[in-house]
Amino acid sequence: VEAELRRSLAEREMLLREVNHRVKNSLQLVLSMLSLQGGEFREAGAKEIFAKAIARVTAIASIHERLYQDTDPLSIDMQTYLTGLCAELARAGIGDERHADLRTDIEPLRLPTENRVSLALIVNELVMNALKHGRPSDRPAIINVSLRRVDAAHARLTIADNGPGIAADRASGMSKPTGGLGSRLINMLVRQLNGQLHIEHAEGH
């Protein structure tokens, strides 16, 4: 019986890796099509929309690629993954080609599969937003991404920049969906994680 259980577990893990591999390949095909389509646009706004769409799909595809390579296909090392994701976003130059100092402080946490995509997309959206809107005009841009364990069941994700910030009257209402796709997506993902979203504003932070 024990030998049969071990064999079944090995087959299950192999199947999960194969599924992640095939999902990753399918997402890579989507990325290729988006890139080809985006290359046909000349208007800056349309090109930026496609760049954001590509970044979102890339964030998901890279998760499945890491799961395919990992020894545990049911969870993912968020420290390695988020550090790599932030490095890719910094190189992508979303909305601005100027260099940004993107710093990460990610605790070595392994998250289950049902949480990984939501958290990755939240980081993706907030970092893209900081790269576009969170750059100060008089000094180099600094963006800090932190993920720290609070207790056995909770973690705190913090993304901060040294840009001009948002208006105080907007800050109080950012916990509710706004007209932008990014804001609505973030609020939806936070609800999926049963989390809480807090926006703080201070001059230069």
Protein backbone atom coordinates (compact mmCIF):
# COMPACT_ATOMS: atom_id res chain seq x y z
CA VAL A 1 0.00 0.00 0.00
CA GLU A 2 2.81 2.42 0.89
CA ALA A 3 4.58 1.71 -2.39
CA GLU A 4 1.36 2.34 -4.32
CA LEU A 5 0.80 5.64 -2.49
CA ARG A 6 4.36 6.76 -3.29
CA ARG A 7 3.87 5.86 -6.95
CA SER A 8 0.57 7.76 -7.10
CA LEU A 9 2.15 10.81 -5.45
CA ALA A 10 5.05 10.78 -7.91
CA GLU A 11 2.64 10.54 -10.85
CA ARG A 12 0.57 13.40 -9.45
CA GLU A 13 3.62 15.65 -9.06
CA MET A 14 4.78 14.80 -12.58
CA LEU A 15 1.31 15.62 -13.92
CA LEU A 16 1.25 18.96 -12.10
CA ARG A 17 4.64 19.90 -13.56
CA GLU A 18 3.46 18.95 -17.03
CA VAL A 19 0.30 21.05 -16.59
CA ASN A 20 2.36 24.05 -15.45
CA HIS A 21 4.72 23.54 -18.39
CA ARG A 22 1.86 23.47 -20.90
CA VAL A 23 0.16 26.50 -19.34
CA LYS A 24 3.45 28.38 -19.50
CA ASN A 25 3.87 27.48 -23.19
CA SER A 26 0.30 28.60 -23.93
CA LEU A 27 0.90 31.91 -22.18
CA GLN A 28 4.13 32.38 -24.13
CA LEU A 29 2.08 32.01 -27.32
CA VAL A 30 -0.33 34.69 -26.04
CA LEU A 31 2.65 36.94 -25.30
CA SER A 32 3.98 36.48 -28.82
CA MET A 33 0.62 37.39 -30.33
CA LEU A 34 0.29 40.47 -28.10
CA SER A 35 3.80 41.59 -29.04
CA LEU A 36 3.06 41.23 -32.74
CA GLN A 37 -0.22 43.10 -32.42
CA GLY A 38 1.33 45.83 -30.28
CA GLY A 39 4.02 46.42 -32.89
CA GLU A 40 1.37 47.56 -35.36
CA PHE A 41 0.33 50.54 -33.22
CA ARG A 42 1.94 53.94 -33.62
CA GLU A 43 -0.11 55.85 -31.05
CA ALA A 44 1.70 56.04 -27.69
CA GLY A 45 -1.40 55.34 -25.60
CA ALA A 46 -2.21 52.13 -27.47
CA LYS A 47 1.40 50.93 -27.25
CA GLU A 48 1.38 51.51 -23.48
CA ILE A 49 -1.86 49.54 -23.06
CA PHE A 50 -0.31 46.59 -24.88
CA ALA A 51 2.90 46.91 -22.85
CA LYS A 52 0.87 46.65 -19.65
CA ALA A 53 -1.09 43.68 -20.97
CA ILE A 54 2.16 41.93 -21.88
CA ALA A 55 3.59 42.63 -18.41
CA ARG A 56 0.49 41.11 -16.77
CA VAL A 57 0.64 37.94 -18.85
CA THR A 58 4.40 37.71 -18.32
CA ALA A 59 3.91 37.82 -14.54
CA ILE A 60 1.56 34.82 -14.74
CA ALA A 61 3.67 32.90 -17.27
CA SER A 62 6.81 33.23 -15.15
CA ILE A 63 4.98 31.71 -12.17
CA HIS A 64 4.11 28.60 -14.16
CA GLU A 65 7.66 28.42 -15.48
CA ARG A 66 9.03 28.47 -11.93
CA LEU A 67 6.48 25.90 -10.75
CA TYR A 68 7.52 23.61 -13.60
CA GLN A 69 11.14 23.83 -12.43
CA ASP A 70 10.47 23.69 -8.67
CA THR A 71 10.57 20.55 -6.58
CA ASP A 72 7.20 21.48 -5.06
CA PRO A 73 4.60 22.17 -7.75
CA LEU A 74 1.99 23.20 -5.17
CA SER A 75 3.77 26.29 -3.82
CA ILE A 76 6.25 28.91 -4.95
CA ASP A 77 9.22 30.67 -3.37
CA MET A 78 8.01 34.28 -3.40
CA GLN A 79 11.41 35.72 -2.50
CA THR A 80 13.06 34.44 -5.67
CA TYR A 81 10.02 35.02 -7.85
CA LEU A 82 9.16 38.59 -6.77
CA THR A 83 12.80 39.68 -6.85
CA GLY A 84 13.03 38.48 -10.44
CA LEU A 85 9.67 40.01 -11.38
CA CYS A 86 10.71 43.43 -10.04
CA ALA A 87 14.02 43.25 -11.92
CA GLU A 88 12.15 42.51 -15.15
CA LEU A 89 9.74 45.41 -14.57
CA ALA A 90 12.63 47.80 -13.91
CA ARG A 91 14.27 46.76 -17.19
CA ALA A 92 11.00 47.04 -19.13
CA GLY A 93 10.81 50.82 -18.66
CA ILE A 94 7.01 50.92 -18.40
CA GLY A 95 5.88 54.47 -19.15
CA ASP A 96 9.36 55.98 -18.66
CA GLU A 97 12.80 55.02 -19.93
CA ARG A 98 14.65 56.69 -17.06
CA HIS A 99 16.43 54.42 -14.59
CA ALA A 100 14.62 53.62 -11.35
CA ASP A 101 16.28 52.13 -8.26
CA LEU A 102 13.89 49.25 -7.51
CA ARG A 103 14.78 47.72 -4.13
CA THR A 104 13.33 44.49 -2.75
CA ASP A 105 13.09 43.16 0.79
CA ILE A 106 11.25 39.86 0.38
CA GLU A 107 11.10 37.36 3.21
CA PRO A 108 11.65 33.75 2.06
CA LEU A 109 8.00 32.68 2.04
CA ARG A 110 6.42 29.83 0.13
CA LEU A 111 2.82 30.53 -0.82
CA PRO A 112 0.23 28.01 -2.01
CA THR A 113 -0.87 27.99 -5.62
CA GLU A 114 -4.23 29.65 -4.93
CA ASN A 115 -2.49 32.81 -3.65
CA ARG A 116 0.55 33.15 -5.89
CA VAL A 117 -1.04 34.63 -9.04
CA SER A 118 -3.12 37.21 -7.14
CA LEU A 119 -0.12 38.46 -5.16
CA ALA A 120 2.12 38.53 -8.22
CA LEU A 121 -0.41 40.58 -10.19
CA ILE A 122 -0.84 43.03 -7.31
CA VAL A 123 2.93 43.58 -7.22
CA ASN A 124 2.98 43.87 -11.00
CA GLU A 125 0.24 46.54 -11.04
CA LEU A 126 1.62 48.63 -8.18
CA VAL A 127 5.21 48.56 -9.41
CA MET A 128 4.10 49.50 -12.94
CA ASN A 129 2.10 52.37 -11.45
CA ALA A 130 5.08 53.53 -9.40
CA LEU A 131 7.37 53.34 -12.43
CA LYS A 132 5.00 55.55 -14.39
CA HIS A 133 3.59 57.96 -11.79
CA GLY A 134 5.91 57.66 -8.77
CA ARG A 135 9.02 59.31 -10.16
CA PRO A 136 10.18 62.58 -8.58
CA SER A 137 11.20 65.32 -11.00
CA ASP A 138 14.22 66.54 -9.03
CA ARG A 139 15.96 63.32 -7.89
CA PRO A 140 16.42 59.67 -8.87
CA ALA A 141 13.38 57.43 -8.45
CA ILE A 142 13.45 54.87 -5.63
CA ILE A 143 10.82 52.13 -5.34
CA ASN A 144 10.77 49.75 -2.38
CA VAL A 145 8.96 46.39 -2.49
CA SER A 146 8.67 44.49 0.79
CA LEU A 147 6.92 41.24 1.73
CA ARG A 148 7.18 40.29 5.42
CA ARG A 149 5.41 37.69 7.51
CA VAL A 150 3.13 39.16 10.20
CA ASP A 151 2.11 35.87 11.81
CA ALA A 152 1.49 32.27 10.79
CA ALA A 153 -1.55 33.20 8.69
CA HIS A 154 -0.78 36.73 7.46
CA ALA A 155 1.86 38.65 5.54
CA ARG A 156 2.24 42.34 4.72
CA LEU A 157 3.10 43.53 1.22
CA THR A 158 4.39 47.11 1.04
CA ILE A 159 5.21 49.05 -2.12
CA ALA A 160 6.48 52.60 -1.67
CA ASP A 161 8.11 55.22 -3.87
CA ASN A 162 9.70 58.62 -3.32
CA GLY A 163 7.56 60.39 -5.91
CA PRO A 164 5.02 63.19 -5.54
CA GLY A 165 2.33 60.85 -4.14
CA ILE A 166 -1.41 61.03 -4.69
CA ALA A 167 -3.72 63.78 -3.57
CA ALA A 168 -5.00 63.35 -0.03
CA ASP A 169 -8.63 63.36 -1.12
CA ARG A 170 -7.92 60.51 -3.55
CA ALA A 171 -5.94 58.54 -0.97
CA SER A 172 -8.97 58.17 1.27
CA GLY A 173 -11.00 56.65 -1.53
CA MET A 174 -8.45 54.31 -3.08
CA SER A 175 -9.70 51.31 -1.10
CA LYS A 176 -12.66 51.30 -3.50
CA PRO A 177 -12.42 50.57 -7.21
CA THR A 178 -11.84 53.60 -9.41
CA GLY A 179 -12.21 54.04 -13.13
CA GLY A 180 -8.74 52.73 -14.00
CA LEU A 181 -8.30 49.07 -14.90
CA GLY A 182 -5.25 48.77 -12.66
CA SER A 183 -7.11 50.09 -9.59
CA ARG A 184 -10.10 47.82 -10.20
CA LEU A 185 -7.82 44.84 -10.73
CA ILE A 186 -5.92 45.49 -7.50
CA ASN A 187 -9.10 45.78 -5.45
CA MET A 188 -10.48 42.57 -6.96
CA LEU A 189 -7.25 40.67 -6.22
CA VAL A 190 -7.08 41.97 -2.65
CA ARG A 191 -10.62 40.69 -2.07
CA GLN A 192 -9.66 37.30 -3.50
CA LEU A 193 -6.86 37.09 -0.92
CA ASN A 194 -9.21 38.20 1.90
CA GLY A 195 -6.76 41.03 2.44
CA GLN A 196 -6.90 44.73 3.24
CA LEU A 197 -5.62 47.59 1.11
CA HIS A 198 -4.15 50.69 2.77
CA ILE A 199 -2.92 53.80 0.93
CA GLU A 200 -0.64 56.25 2.77
CA HIS A 201 0.65 59.55 1.46
CA ALA A 202 3.56 61.65 2.69
CA GLU A 203 5.52 64.21 0.72
CA GLY A 204 8.46 62.51 -0.95
CA HIS A 205 7.48 58.99 0.20
